[in-house]
PDB file of N, CA and C in Angstrom:
ATOM      1  N   MET A   1      79.357 -72.156 -13.244  1.00  0.00           N
ATOM      2  CA  MET A   1      78.895 -71.690 -11.950  1.00  0.00           C
ATOM      3  C   MET A   1      77.929 -72.739 -11.402  1.00  0.00           C
ATOM      4  N   ASN A   2      77.998 -72.984 -10.116  1.00  0.00           N
ATOM      5  CA  ASN A   2      77.145 -74.036  -9.576  1.00  0.00           C
ATOM      6  C   ASN A   2      75.721 -73.531  -9.309  1.00  0.00           C
ATOM      7  N   ARG A   3      74.854 -74.452  -8.979  1.00  0.00           N
ATOM      8  CA  ARG A   3      73.430 -74.140  -8.807  1.00  0.00           C
ATOM      9  C   ARG A   3      73.174 -73.181  -7.652  1.00  0.00           C
ATOM     10  N   TYR A   4      73.940 -73.283  -6.576  1.00  0.00           N
ATOM     11  CA  TYR A   4      73.748 -72.410  -5.418  1.00  0.00           C
ATOM     12  C   TYR A   4      73.998 -70.948  -5.792  1.00  0.00           C
ATOM     13  N   LEU A   5      75.132 -70.699  -6.441  1.00  0.00           N
ATOM     14  CA  LEU A   5      75.454 -69.329  -6.823  1.00  0.00           C
ATOM     15  C   LEU A   5      74.467 -68.806  -7.863  1.00  0.00           C
ATOM     16  N   THR A   6      74.084 -69.653  -8.794  1.00  0.00           N
ATOM     17  CA  THR A   6      73.089 -69.256  -9.795  1.00  0.00           C
ATOM     18  C   THR A   6      71.778 -68.888  -9.123  1.00  0.00           C
ATOM     19  N   HIS A   7      71.377 -69.680  -8.152  1.00  0.00           N
ATOM     20  CA  HIS A   7      70.138 -69.407  -7.418  1.00  0.00           C
ATOM     21  C   HIS A   7      70.232 -68.075  -6.658  1.00  0.00           C
ATOM     22  N   LEU A   8      71.351 -67.828  -6.003  1.00  0.00           N
ATOM     23  CA  LEU A   8      71.530 -66.557  -5.288  1.00  0.00           C
ATOM     24  C   LEU A   8      71.421 -65.372  -6.240  1.00  0.00           C
ATOM     25  N   LEU A   9      72.067 -65.475  -7.389  1.00  0.00           N
ATOM     26  CA  LEU A   9      72.012 -64.382  -8.362  1.00  0.00           C
ATOM     27  C   LEU A   9      70.605 -64.190  -8.913  1.00  0.00           C
ATOM     28  N   THR A  10      69.875 -65.280  -9.086  1.00  0.00           N
ATOM     29  CA  THR A  10      68.489 -65.185  -9.544  1.00  0.00           C
ATOM     30  C   THR A  10      67.621 -64.500  -8.499  1.00  0.00           C
ATOM     31  N   LEU A  11      67.802 -64.866  -7.244  1.00  0.00           N
ATOM     32  CA  LEU A  11      67.049 -64.215  -6.168  1.00  0.00           C
ATOM     33  C   LEU A  11      67.351 -62.718  -6.112  1.00  0.00           C
ATOM     34  N   TYR A  12      68.616 -62.376  -6.276  1.00  0.00           N
ATOM     35  CA  TYR A  12      69.004 -60.952  -6.274  1.00  0.00           C
ATOM     36  C   TYR A  12      68.379 -60.240  -7.473  1.00  0.00           C
ATOM     37  N   LYS A  13      68.463 -60.844  -8.638  1.00  0.00           N
ATOM     38  CA  LYS A  13      67.900 -60.251  -9.858  1.00  0.00           C
ATOM     39  C   LYS A  13      66.399 -60.005  -9.707  1.00  0.00           C
ATOM     40  N   ASN A  14      65.704 -60.936  -9.058  1.00  0.00           N
ATOM     41  CA  ASN A  14      64.261 -60.826  -8.862  1.00  0.00           C
ATOM     42  C   ASN A  14      63.888 -60.010  -7.629  1.00  0.00           C
ATOM     43  N   LYS A  15      64.894 -59.331  -7.060  1.00  0.00           N
ATOM     44  CA  LYS A  15      64.705 -58.453  -5.904  1.00  0.00           C
ATOM     45  C   LYS A  15      64.160 -59.190  -4.671  1.00  0.00           C
ATOM     46  N   GLN A  16      64.519 -60.478  -4.551  1.00  0.00           N
ATOM     47  CA  GLN A  16      64.138 -61.256  -3.389  1.00  0.00           C
ATOM     48  C   GLN A  16      65.246 -61.260  -2.345  1.00  0.00           C
ATOM     49  N   LEU A  17      66.430 -60.766  -2.720  1.00  0.00           N
ATOM     50  CA  LEU A  17      67.553 -60.588  -1.802  1.00  0.00           C
ATOM     51  C   LEU A  17      68.121 -59.189  -2.035  1.00  0.00           C
ATOM     52  N   SER A  18      68.504 -58.541  -0.948  1.00  0.00           N
ATOM     53  CA  SER A  18      69.186 -57.257  -1.105  1.00  0.00           C
ATOM     54  C   SER A  18      70.610 -57.521  -1.573  1.00  0.00           C
ATOM     55  N   GLN A  19      71.252 -56.488  -2.076  1.00  0.00           N
ATOM     56  CA  GLN A  19      72.639 -56.640  -2.535  1.00  0.00           C
ATOM     57  C   GLN A  19      73.531 -57.051  -1.374  1.00  0.00           C
ATOM     58  N   ASP A  20      73.335 -56.445  -0.204  1.00  0.00           N
ATOM     59  CA  ASP A  20      74.164 -56.774   0.959  1.00  0.00           C
ATOM     60  C   ASP A  20      74.035 -58.245   1.347  1.00  0.00           C
ATOM     61  N   VAL A  21      72.816 -58.744   1.377  1.00  0.00           N
ATOM     62  CA  VAL A  21      72.594 -60.136   1.764  1.00  0.00           C
ATOM     63  C   VAL A  21      73.183 -61.071   0.708  1.00  0.00           C
ATOM     64  N   ALA A  22      72.964 -60.762  -0.577  1.00  0.00           N
ATOM     65  CA  ALA A  22      73.508 -61.605  -1.636  1.00  0.00           C
ATOM     66  C   ALA A  22      75.028 -61.663  -1.574  1.00  0.00           C
ATOM     67  N   LEU A  23      75.661 -60.500  -1.411  1.00  0.00           N
ATOM     68  CA  LEU A  23      77.122 -60.472  -1.323  1.00  0.00           C
ATOM     69  C   LEU A  23      77.626 -61.227  -0.099  1.00  0.00           C
ATOM     70  N   SER A  24      76.927 -61.098   1.012  1.00  0.00           N
ATOM     71  CA  SER A  24      77.310 -61.797   2.231  1.00  0.00           C
ATOM     72  C   SER A  24      77.232 -63.316   2.047  1.00  0.00           C
ATOM     73  N   LEU A  25      76.155 -63.794   1.437  1.00  0.00           N
ATOM     74  CA  LEU A  25      76.001 -65.233   1.207  1.00  0.00           C
ATOM     75  C   LEU A  25      77.040 -65.757   0.219  1.00  0.00           C
ATOM     76  N   ILE A  26      77.346 -64.972  -0.810  1.00  0.00           N
ATOM     77  CA  ILE A  26      78.366 -65.382  -1.773  1.00  0.00           C
ATOM     78  C   ILE A  26      79.734 -65.439  -1.102  1.00  0.00           C
ATOM     79  N   GLU A  27      80.035 -64.443  -0.268  1.00  0.00           N
ATOM     80  CA  GLU A  27      81.312 -64.424   0.444  1.00  0.00           C
ATOM     81  C   GLU A  27      81.418 -65.616   1.393  1.00  0.00           C
ATOM     82  N   GLU A  28      80.339 -65.916   2.089  1.00  0.00           N
ATOM     83  CA  GLU A  28      80.339 -67.074   2.996  1.00  0.00           C
ATOM     84  C   GLU A  28      80.551 -68.374   2.206  1.00  0.00           C
ATOM     85  N   TYR A  29      79.878 -68.502   1.091  1.00  0.00           N
ATOM     86  CA  TYR A  29      80.056 -69.683   0.247  1.00  0.00           C
ATOM     87  C   TYR A  29      81.498 -69.773  -0.238  1.00  0.00           C
ATOM     88  N   LYS A  30      82.031 -68.637  -0.682  1.00  0.00           N
ATOM     89  CA  LYS A  30      83.404 -68.593  -1.181  1.00  0.00           C
ATOM     90  C   LYS A  30      84.391 -69.033  -0.100  1.00  0.00           C
ATOM     91  N   ASN A  31      84.183 -68.581   1.138  1.00  0.00           N
ATOM     92  CA  ASN A  31      85.075 -68.951   2.235  1.00  0.00           C
ATOM     93  C   ASN A  31      85.045 -70.456   2.515  1.00  0.00           C
ATOM     94  N   HIS A  32      83.888 -71.090   2.330  1.00  0.00           N
ATOM     95  CA  HIS A  32      83.775 -72.519   2.587  1.00  0.00           C
ATOM     96  C   HIS A  32      84.199 -73.369   1.389  1.00  0.00           C
ATOM     97  N   HIS A  33      84.321 -72.750   0.235  1.00  0.00           N
ATOM     98  CA  HIS A  33      84.699 -73.479  -0.978  1.00  0.00           C
ATOM     99  C   HIS A  33      85.881 -72.784  -1.645  1.00  0.00           C
ATOM    100  N   GLN A  34      86.869 -72.437  -0.864  1.00  0.00           N
ATOM    101  CA  GLN A  34      88.004 -71.651  -1.350  1.00  0.00           C
ATOM    102  C   GLN A  34      88.695 -72.285  -2.547  1.00  0.00           C
ATOM    103  N   ARG A  35      88.829 -73.592  -2.565  1.00  0.00           N
ATOM    104  CA  ARG A  35      89.538 -74.234  -3.676  1.00  0.00           C
ATOM    105  C   ARG A  35      88.805 -74.028  -5.003  1.00  0.00           C
ATOM    106  N   ASP A  36      87.474 -73.850  -4.951  1.00  0.00           N
ATOM    107  CA  ASP A  36      86.711 -73.621  -6.181  1.00  0.00           C
ATOM    108  C   ASP A  36      87.040 -72.268  -6.803  1.00  0.00           C
ATOM    109  N   PHE A  37      87.600 -71.345  -6.002  1.00  0.00           N
ATOM    110  CA  PHE A  37      87.875 -69.995  -6.484  1.00  0.00           C
ATOM    111  C   PHE A  37      89.363 -69.720  -6.636  1.00  0.00           C
ATOM    112  N   SER A  38      90.183 -70.766  -6.520  1.00  0.00           N
ATOM    113  CA  SER A  38      91.627 -70.553  -6.563  1.00  0.00           C
ATOM    114  C   SER A  38      92.112 -70.138  -7.945  1.00  0.00           C
ATOM    115  N   ASP A  39      91.471 -70.595  -8.986  1.00  0.00           N
ATOM    116  CA  ASP A  39      91.850 -70.220 -10.345  1.00  0.00           C
ATOM    117  C   ASP A  39      90.784 -69.279 -10.896  1.00  0.00           C
ATOM    118  N   ASN A  40      90.975 -67.986 -10.678  1.00  0.00           N
ATOM    119  CA  ASN A  40      89.975 -66.994 -11.071  1.00  0.00           C
ATOM    120  C   ASN A  40      89.728 -66.960 -12.577  1.00  0.00           C
ATOM    121  N   ARG A  41      90.696 -67.378 -13.361  1.00  0.00           N
ATOM    122  CA  ARG A  41      90.518 -67.344 -14.810  1.00  0.00           C
ATOM    123  C   ARG A  41      89.360 -68.213 -15.272  1.00  0.00           C
ATOM    124  N   SER A  42      89.058 -69.257 -14.533  1.00  0.00           N
ATOM    125  CA  SER A  42      87.972 -70.143 -14.955  1.00  0.00           C
ATOM    126  C   SER A  42      86.627 -69.767 -14.337  1.00  0.00           C
ATOM    127  N   HIS A  43      86.595 -68.692 -13.556  1.00  0.00           N
ATOM    128  CA  HIS A  43      85.363 -68.301 -12.880  1.00  0.00           C
ATOM    129  C   HIS A  43      84.962 -66.867 -13.194  1.00  0.00           C
ATOM    130  N   LYS A  44      85.302 -66.392 -14.365  1.00  0.00           N
ATOM    131  CA  LYS A  44      84.943 -65.031 -14.717  1.00  0.00           C
ATOM    132  C   LYS A  44      83.468 -64.955 -15.091  1.00  0.00           C
ATOM    133  N   ILE A  45      82.878 -63.821 -14.773  1.00  0.00           N
ATOM    134  CA  ILE A  45      81.475 -63.580 -15.083  1.00  0.00           C
ATOM    135  C   ILE A  45      81.410 -62.327 -15.947  1.00  0.00           C
ATOM    136  N   ALA A  46      80.625 -62.372 -17.001  1.00  0.00           N
ATOM    137  CA  ALA A  46      80.432 -61.202 -17.852  1.00  0.00           C
ATOM    138  C   ALA A  46      78.977 -60.757 -17.751  1.00  0.00           C
ATOM    139  N   ILE A  47      78.787 -59.479 -17.568  1.00  0.00           N
ATOM    140  CA  ILE A  47      77.449 -58.909 -17.589  1.00  0.00           C
ATOM    141  C   ILE A  47      77.346 -58.146 -18.899  1.00  0.00           C
ATOM    142  N   ILE A  48      76.390 -58.561 -19.706  1.00  0.00           N
ATOM    143  CA  ILE A  48      76.285 -58.020 -21.052  1.00  0.00           C
ATOM    144  C   ILE A  48      74.961 -57.282 -21.193  1.00  0.00           C
ATOM    145  N   GLY A  49      75.027 -56.107 -21.765  1.00  0.00           N
ATOM    146  CA  GLY A  49      73.827 -55.334 -22.019  1.00  0.00           C
ATOM    147  C   GLY A  49      73.426 -55.451 -23.480  1.00  0.00           C
ATOM    148  N   MET A  50      72.238 -54.954 -23.779  1.00  0.00           N
ATOM    149  CA  MET A  50      71.744 -55.050 -25.129  1.00  0.00           C
ATOM    150  C   MET A  50      70.952 -53.792 -25.462  1.00  0.00           C
ATOM    151  N   SER A  51      71.100 -53.338 -26.671  1.00  0.00           N
ATOM    152  CA  SER A  51      70.336 -52.192 -27.128  1.00  0.00           C
ATOM    153  C   SER A  51      69.859 -52.482 -28.537  1.00  0.00           C
ATOM    154  N   VAL A  52      68.571 -52.306 -28.780  1.00  0.00           N
ATOM    155  CA  VAL A  52      68.003 -52.544 -30.105  1.00  0.00           C
ATOM    156  C   VAL A  52      66.913 -51.517 -30.396  1.00  0.00           C
ATOM    157  N   ARG A  53      66.604 -51.384 -31.661  1.00  0.00           N
ATOM    158  CA  ARG A  53      65.454 -50.580 -32.069  1.00  0.00           C
ATOM    159  C   ARG A  53      64.401 -51.555 -32.570  1.00  0.00           C
ATOM    160  N   MET A  54      63.172 -51.405 -32.078  1.00  0.00           N
ATOM    161  CA  MET A  54      62.109 -52.331 -32.437  1.00  0.00           C
ATOM    162  C   MET A  54      60.971 -51.576 -33.115  1.00  0.00           C
ATOM    163  N   PRO A  55      60.291 -52.218 -34.055  1.00  0.00           N
ATOM    164  CA  PRO A  55      59.218 -51.540 -34.774  1.00  0.00           C
ATOM    165  C   PRO A  55      58.031 -51.210 -33.869  1.00  0.00           C
ATOM    166  N   LEU A  56      57.537 -50.008 -34.016  1.00  0.00           N
ATOM    167  CA  LEU A  56      56.321 -49.535 -33.342  1.00  0.00           C
ATOM    168  C   LEU A  56      56.427 -49.519 -31.816  1.00  0.00           C
ATOM    169  N   ALA A  57      57.650 -49.522 -31.276  1.00  0.00           N
ATOM    170  CA  ALA A  57      57.822 -49.547 -29.822  1.00  0.00           C
ATOM    171  C   ALA A  57      59.052 -48.731 -29.437  1.00  0.00           C
ATOM    172  N   ASP A  58      58.962 -48.074 -28.288  1.00  0.00           N
ATOM    173  CA  ASP A  58      60.081 -47.277 -27.788  1.00  0.00           C
ATOM    174  C   ASP A  58      61.035 -48.087 -26.923  1.00  0.00           C
ATOM    175  N   ASN A  59      60.600 -49.266 -26.470  1.00  0.00           N
ATOM    176  CA  ASN A  59      61.456 -50.104 -25.634  1.00  0.00           C
ATOM    177  C   ASN A  59      61.016 -51.560 -25.764  1.00  0.00           C
ATOM    178  N   SER A  60      61.798 -52.450 -25.176  1.00  0.00           N
ATOM    179  CA  SER A  60      61.513 -53.886 -25.325  1.00  0.00           C
ATOM    180  C   SER A  60      60.188 -54.287 -24.679  1.00  0.00           C
ATOM    181  N   GLU A  61      59.831 -53.631 -23.577  1.00  0.00           N
ATOM    182  CA  GLU A  61      58.570 -53.964 -22.908  1.00  0.00           C
ATOM    183  C   GLU A  61      57.378 -53.662 -23.819  1.00  0.00           C
ATOM    184  N   GLU A  62      57.394 -52.497 -24.462  1.00  0.00           N
ATOM    185  CA  GLU A  62      56.323 -52.146 -25.394  1.00  0.00           C
ATOM    186  C   GLU A  62      56.281 -53.130 -26.570  1.00  0.00           C
ATOM    187  N   PHE A  63      57.455 -53.523 -27.053  1.00  0.00           N
ATOM    188  CA  PHE A  63      57.518 -54.465 -28.169  1.00  0.00           C
ATOM    189  C   PHE A  63      56.907 -55.807 -27.792  1.00  0.00           C
ATOM    190  N   TRP A  64      57.255 -56.329 -26.595  1.00  0.00           N
ATOM    191  CA  TRP A  64      56.692 -57.613 -26.157  1.00  0.00           C
ATOM    192  C   TRP A  64      55.180 -57.533 -26.004  1.00  0.00           C
ATOM    193  N   LYS A  65      54.679 -56.369 -25.550  1.00  0.00           N
ATOM    194  CA  LYS A  65      53.220 -56.197 -25.437  1.00  0.00           C
ATOM    195  C   LYS A  65      52.569 -56.261 -26.817  1.00  0.00           C
ATOM    196  N   LEU A  66      53.212 -55.634 -27.804  1.00  0.00           N
ATOM    197  CA  LEU A  66      52.695 -55.699 -29.177  1.00  0.00           C
ATOM    198  C   LEU A  66      52.667 -57.137 -29.680  1.00  0.00           C
ATOM    199  N   LEU A  67      53.759 -57.867 -29.448  1.00  0.00           N
ATOM    200  CA  LEU A  67      53.817 -59.267 -29.880  1.00  0.00           C
ATOM    201  C   LEU A  67      52.755 -60.110 -29.175  1.00  0.00           C
ATOM    202  N   ALA A  68      52.605 -59.898 -27.872  1.00  0.00           N
ATOM    203  CA  ALA A  68      51.638 -60.672 -27.092  1.00  0.00           C
ATOM    204  C   ALA A  68      50.207 -60.401 -27.551  1.00  0.00           C
ATOM    205  N   SER A  69      49.955 -59.186 -28.017  1.00  0.00           N
ATOM    206  CA  SER A  69      48.603 -58.839 -28.459  1.00  0.00           C
ATOM    207  C   SER A  69      48.335 -59.307 -29.887  1.00  0.00           C
ATOM    208  N   GLY A  70      49.367 -59.829 -30.568  1.00  0.00           N
ATOM    209  CA  GLY A  70      49.198 -60.323 -31.925  1.00  0.00           C
ATOM    210  C   GLY A  70      49.353 -59.256 -32.987  1.00  0.00           C
ATOM    211  N   LYS A  71      49.800 -58.070 -32.611  1.00  0.00           N
ATOM    212  CA  LYS A  71      49.979 -56.960 -33.548  1.00  0.00           C
ATOM    213  C   LYS A  71      51.067 -57.301 -34.567  1.00  0.00           C
ATOM    214  N   ASP A  72      50.767 -57.049 -35.839  1.00  0.00           N
ATOM    215  CA  ASP A  72      51.744 -57.264 -36.905  1.00  0.00           C
ATOM    216  C   ASP A  72      52.628 -56.025 -36.984  1.00  0.00           C
ATOM    217  N   CYS A  73      53.907 -56.170 -36.695  1.00  0.00           N
ATOM    218  CA  CYS A  73      54.836 -55.039 -36.675  1.00  0.00           C
ATOM    219  C   CYS A  73      55.686 -54.952 -37.943  1.00  0.00           C
ATOM    220  N   VAL A  74      55.407 -55.805 -38.917  1.00  0.00           N
ATOM    221  CA  VAL A  74      56.178 -55.808 -40.155  1.00  0.00           C
ATOM    222  C   VAL A  74      55.742 -54.629 -41.011  1.00  0.00           C
ATOM    223  N   ARG A  75      56.718 -53.870 -41.468  1.00  0.00           N
ATOM    224  CA  ARG A  75      56.465 -52.702 -42.311  1.00  0.00           C
ATOM    225  C   ARG A  75      57.342 -52.794 -43.547  1.00  0.00           C
ATOM    226  N   THR A  76      57.007 -51.992 -44.554  1.00  0.00           N
ATOM    227  CA  THR A  76      57.813 -51.905 -45.760  1.00  0.00           C
ATOM    228  C   THR A  76      59.155 -51.291 -45.425  1.00  0.00           C
ATOM    229  N   PHE A  77      60.211 -51.853 -46.007  1.00  0.00           N
ATOM    230  CA  PHE A  77      61.558 -51.347 -45.754  1.00  0.00           C
ATOM    231  C   PHE A  77      61.702 -49.984 -46.409  1.00  0.00           C
ATOM    232  N   PRO A  78      62.110 -48.956 -45.656  1.00  0.00           N
ATOM    233  CA  PRO A  78      62.196 -47.602 -46.213  1.00  0.00           C
ATOM    234  C   PRO A  78      63.240 -47.501 -47.334  1.00  0.00           C
ATOM    235  N   GLU A  79      62.928 -46.776 -48.384  1.00  0.00           N
ATOM    236  CA  GLU A  79      63.858 -46.558 -49.497  1.00  0.00           C
ATOM    237  C   GLU A  79      65.186 -45.990 -48.997  1.00  0.00           C
ATOM    238  N   SER A  80      65.113 -45.091 -48.036  1.00  0.00           N
ATOM    239  CA  SER A  80      66.325 -44.446 -47.528  1.00  0.00           C
ATOM    240  C   SER A  80      67.286 -45.422 -46.853  1.00  0.00           C
ATOM    241  N   ARG A  81      66.811 -46.588 -46.454  1.00  0.00           N
ATOM    242  CA  ARG A  81      67.659 -47.560 -45.763  1.00  0.00           C
ATOM    243  C   ARG A  81      68.139 -48.686 -46.655  1.00  0.00           C
ATOM    244  N   LYS A  82      67.583 -48.784 -47.862  1.00  0.00           N
ATOM    245  CA  LYS A  82      67.929 -49.902 -48.747  1.00  0.00           C
ATOM    246  C   LYS A  82      69.398 -49.922 -49.109  1.00  0.00           C
ATOM    247  N   LYS A  83      70.035 -48.756 -49.226  1.00  0.00           N
ATOM    248  CA  LYS A  83      71.457 -48.737 -49.571  1.00  0.00           C
ATOM    249  C   LYS A  83      72.326 -49.238 -48.405  1.00  0.00           C
ATOM    250  N   ASP A  84      71.816 -49.166 -47.167  1.00  0.00           N
ATOM    251  CA  ASP A  84      72.564 -49.629 -45.988  1.00  0.00           C
ATOM    252  C   ASP A  84      72.691 -51.136 -46.034  1.00  0.00           C
TER     253      ASP A  84
END
């Protein structure tokens, strides 16, 4: 993906562009660079999610706060999980 499209997606992600404006700019770019989009197989985008369990935190934001504060989150491995 080129720098322009990456920048547009970053602006949208950071809530600096509305979805309508971002889609409009991407469509306009696509219309002016049609040959770049002729082979869709080489321009696929995947959006991937992530789910994890972190020590002493209910979500990733809480975990990062613990790390930033220098909190040691290492605990003894529970006996009940050792067989896993």
